[in-house]
Each structure stands twice: as structure tokens, then as C-alpha cells.
Amino acid sequence: MKRILSENKAAGKKTYLHQDAEGDRIVHEQKFDKLIEMNKFYNDGWQKGQMRGTQKHIQHVAEIPNVVYHHLLETLGDPKHPDNQKAWKAWLNDHQNRAFRTGGGNL
């Protein structure tokens, strides 16, 4: 049996309670087609060297959906912790995750 617990239409996110022979579990689903389109738009507009100069800029490198981000927090840990930063950079630089990137190059 599948029962909806909450729904956020603006974020395209739904939370379900699944009850079956294996037991009860909570499942989060999120549609992020529009986010992938936005990331592609930003990635297409990125040019090598556009952030050069004397000022230090903060460059937007990725947009990650909430569901994926929370899964990564569980598997890779806090991205601000120095021990976990290499794992986060490796995940973002992985070719399979390029749909989440908003700019070219490597971190």
C-alpha cells in the first residue's frame, strides 16, 4: 500500500509511506526536469576565463535537488568538513553527474 504523507508542488516533491511485506518505509520523490534544463542553460553560457581578474569571485558550480543533496549528505558527509571536500569534488567532477553542473571545467 502506498500513501502520500506530504506534497510540495512548487518543489515537485512528494513523500510517501510504503507498507508491504518487507515492512514500512518512507520514500521521497522529486521531479527535477526543470532544474536540469536550467543547469544546461547556465552550462551552455559558461566561458573559460570569464571569472579572471583581480577580484576573487564565488562561482556557482552546481544545482543539486534536495533529495539528491540529502542522499549525498548521508553517503559523503558534510561538504564543509575538510575530510569530505575531496569526495564532494570527485562527485561533482564525475561525468555521470554533469547534469547538475552549471559551469564547465573541474573543481
C-alpha atoms as a PDB file:
ATOM      1  CA  MET A   1       0.000   0.000   0.000  1.00  0.00           C
ATOM      2  CA  LYS A   2       1.275   3.451  -0.907  1.00  0.00           C
ATOM      3  CA  ARG A   3       0.002   6.514   0.975  1.00  0.00           C
ATOM      4  CA  ILE A   4       1.054  10.108   0.381  1.00  0.00           C
ATOM      5  CA  LEU A   5       2.293  11.884   3.518  1.00  0.00           C
ATOM      6  CA  SER A   6       3.190  15.301   2.118  1.00  0.00           C
ATOM      7  CA  GLU A   7       3.441  17.132  -1.176  1.00  0.00           C
ATOM      8  CA  ASN A   8       5.275  20.296  -2.179  1.00  0.00           C
ATOM      9  CA  LYS A   9       4.058  21.217  -5.659  1.00  0.00           C
ATOM     10  CA  ALA A  10       6.448  24.166  -6.019  1.00  0.00           C
ATOM     11  CA  ALA A  11       9.482  21.895  -5.484  1.00  0.00           C
ATOM     12  CA  GLY A  12       7.878  18.906  -7.247  1.00  0.00           C
ATOM     13  CA  LYS A  13       8.499  16.800  -4.142  1.00  0.00           C
ATOM     14  CA  LYS A  14       6.295  14.085  -2.631  1.00  0.00           C
ATOM     15  CA  THR A  15       6.760  11.924   0.445  1.00  0.00           C
ATOM     16  CA  TYR A  16       5.105   8.504   0.595  1.00  0.00           C
ATOM     17  CA  LEU A  17       4.624   5.813   3.208  1.00  0.00           C
ATOM     18  CA  HIS A  18       5.054   2.367   1.625  1.00  0.00           C
ATOM     19  CA  GLN A  19       3.599  -0.572   3.532  1.00  0.00           C
ATOM     20  CA  ASP A  20       4.256  -4.051   2.206  1.00  0.00           C
ATOM     21  CA  ALA A  21       5.546  -7.473   3.260  1.00  0.00           C
ATOM     22  CA  GLU A  22       9.047  -6.028   3.822  1.00  0.00           C
ATOM     23  CA  GLY A  23       7.670  -3.524   6.329  1.00  0.00           C
ATOM     24  CA  ASP A  24       7.030   0.203   6.432  1.00  0.00           C
ATOM     25  CA  ARG A  25       9.351   2.668   4.746  1.00  0.00           C
ATOM     26  CA  ILE A  26       9.242   6.338   3.814  1.00  0.00           C
ATOM     27  CA  VAL A  27      10.128   7.256   0.237  1.00  0.00           C
ATOM     28  CA  HIS A  28      10.890  10.754  -1.057  1.00  0.00           C
ATOM     29  CA  GLU A  29      10.385  11.551  -4.742  1.00  0.00           C
ATOM     30  CA  GLN A  30      11.271  14.766  -6.524  1.00  0.00           C
ATOM     31  CA  LYS A  31      10.967  15.711 -10.180  1.00  0.00           C
ATOM     32  CA  PHE A  32      13.802  17.917 -11.323  1.00  0.00           C
ATOM     33  CA  ASP A  33      13.443  18.132 -15.100  1.00  0.00           C
ATOM     34  CA  LYS A  34      13.220  21.937 -14.986  1.00  0.00           C
ATOM     35  CA  LEU A  35      16.322  22.100 -12.786  1.00  0.00           C
ATOM     36  CA  ILE A  36      18.284  20.024 -15.316  1.00  0.00           C
ATOM     37  CA  GLU A  37      17.131  22.374 -18.113  1.00  0.00           C
ATOM     38  CA  MET A  38      18.225  25.412 -16.079  1.00  0.00           C
ATOM     39  CA  ASN A  39      21.622  23.809 -15.387  1.00  0.00           C
ATOM     40  CA  LYS A  40      22.075  23.113 -19.105  1.00  0.00           C
ATOM     41  CA  PHE A  41      21.249  26.767 -19.888  1.00  0.00           C
ATOM     42  CA  TYR A  42      23.867  28.017 -17.400  1.00  0.00           C
ATOM     43  CA  ASN A  43      26.411  25.442 -18.559  1.00  0.00           C
ATOM     44  CA  ASP A  44      25.945  26.476 -22.212  1.00  0.00           C
ATOM     45  CA  GLY A  45      26.578  30.130 -21.267  1.00  0.00           C
ATOM     46  CA  TRP A  46      29.770  29.370 -19.355  1.00  0.00           C
ATOM     47  CA  GLN A  47      33.031  30.533 -20.935  1.00  0.00           C
ATOM     48  CA  LYS A  48      36.530  29.613 -19.858  1.00  0.00           C
ATOM     49  CA  GLY A  49      38.258  32.514 -18.139  1.00  0.00           C
ATOM     50  CA  GLN A  50      35.134  34.608 -17.552  1.00  0.00           C
ATOM     51  CA  MET A  51      35.950  34.939 -13.831  1.00  0.00           C
ATOM     52  CA  ARG A  52      39.537  36.118 -14.295  1.00  0.00           C
ATOM     53  CA  GLY A  53      40.737  39.376 -12.873  1.00  0.00           C
ATOM     54  CA  THR A  54      41.956  40.872  -9.649  1.00  0.00           C
ATOM     55  CA  GLN A  55      38.811  40.165  -7.644  1.00  0.00           C
ATOM     56  CA  LYS A  56      38.101  36.813  -6.090  1.00  0.00           C
ATOM     57  CA  HIS A  57      34.678  35.624  -7.198  1.00  0.00           C
ATOM     58  CA  ILE A  58      32.425  32.941  -5.867  1.00  0.00           C
ATOM     59  CA  GLN A  59      31.396  30.880  -8.844  1.00  0.00           C
ATOM     60  CA  HIS A  60      28.157  28.917  -8.918  1.00  0.00           C
ATOM     61  CA  VAL A  61      29.193  25.392  -9.935  1.00  0.00           C
ATOM     62  CA  ALA A  62      26.101  23.200  -9.410  1.00  0.00           C
ATOM     63  CA  GLU A  63      22.395  22.979  -8.597  1.00  0.00           C
ATOM     64  CA  ILE A  64      21.532  19.766  -6.802  1.00  0.00           C
ATOM     65  CA  PRO A  65      17.924  18.738  -5.995  1.00  0.00           C
ATOM     66  CA  ASN A  66      17.043  18.382  -2.302  1.00  0.00           C
ATOM     67  CA  VAL A  67      16.517  14.631  -2.478  1.00  0.00           C
ATOM     68  CA  VAL A  68      19.919  14.060  -4.084  1.00  0.00           C
ATOM     69  CA  TYR A  69      21.640  16.502  -1.703  1.00  0.00           C
ATOM     70  CA  HIS A  70      20.296  14.747   1.390  1.00  0.00           C
ATOM     71  CA  HIS A  71      21.333  11.378  -0.022  1.00  0.00           C
ATOM     72  CA  LEU A  72      24.844  12.779  -0.595  1.00  0.00           C
ATOM     73  CA  LEU A  73      24.931  14.123   2.966  1.00  0.00           C
ATOM     74  CA  GLU A  74      24.280  10.603   4.222  1.00  0.00           C
ATOM     75  CA  THR A  75      26.871   8.984   1.955  1.00  0.00           C
ATOM     76  CA  LEU A  76      29.627  11.631   1.661  1.00  0.00           C
ATOM     77  CA  GLY A  77      29.120  13.681   4.822  1.00  0.00           C
ATOM     78  CA  ASP A  78      29.059  17.451   5.337  1.00  0.00           C
ATOM     79  CA  PRO A  79      30.648  19.257   2.341  1.00  0.00           C
ATOM     80  CA  LYS A  80      32.111  21.949   4.629  1.00  0.00           C
ATOM     81  CA  HIS A  81      34.166  19.404   6.587  1.00  0.00           C
ATOM     82  CA  PRO A  82      37.742  19.260   5.197  1.00  0.00           C
ATOM     83  CA  ASP A  83      37.796  15.454   5.188  1.00  0.00           C
ATOM     84  CA  ASN A  84      34.701  15.293   2.949  1.00  0.00           C
ATOM     85  CA  GLN A  85      35.557  18.019   0.416  1.00  0.00           C
ATOM     86  CA  LYS A  86      37.555  15.683  -1.847  1.00  0.00           C
ATOM     87  CA  ALA A  87      34.622  13.263  -2.079  1.00  0.00           C
ATOM     88  CA  TRP A  88      32.201  16.083  -2.948  1.00  0.00           C
ATOM     89  CA  LYS A  89      34.565  17.461  -5.603  1.00  0.00           C
ATOM     90  CA  ALA A  90      35.004  13.989  -7.069  1.00  0.00           C
ATOM     91  CA  TRP A  91      31.217  13.529  -7.204  1.00  0.00           C
ATOM     92  CA  LEU A  92      30.719  16.906  -8.912  1.00  0.00           C
ATOM     93  CA  ASN A  93      33.562  16.262 -11.390  1.00  0.00           C
ATOM     94  CA  ASP A  94      32.217  12.792 -12.267  1.00  0.00           C
ATOM     95  CA  HIS A  95      30.996  12.696 -15.867  1.00  0.00           C
ATOM     96  CA  GLN A  96      27.788  10.875 -14.830  1.00  0.00           C
ATOM     97  CA  ASN A  97      26.754  13.862 -12.654  1.00  0.00           C
ATOM     98  CA  ARG A  98      27.381  16.557 -15.286  1.00  0.00           C
ATOM     99  CA  ALA A  99      23.648  17.374 -15.477  1.00  0.00           C
ATOM    100  CA  PHE A 100      23.928  19.018 -12.041  1.00  0.00           C
ATOM    101  CA  ARG A 101      26.850  21.291 -13.059  1.00  0.00           C
ATOM    102  CA  THR A 102      26.204  24.935 -14.024  1.00  0.00           C
ATOM    103  CA  GLY A 103      29.698  25.683 -15.367  1.00  0.00           C
ATOM    104  CA  GLY A 104      32.481  23.928 -17.194  1.00  0.00           C
ATOM    105  CA  GLY A 105      35.908  22.971 -16.004  1.00  0.00           C
ATOM    106  CA  ASN A 106      36.882  20.952 -12.942  1.00  0.00           C
ATOM    107  CA  LEU A 107      36.745  21.817  -9.272  1.00  0.00           C
END
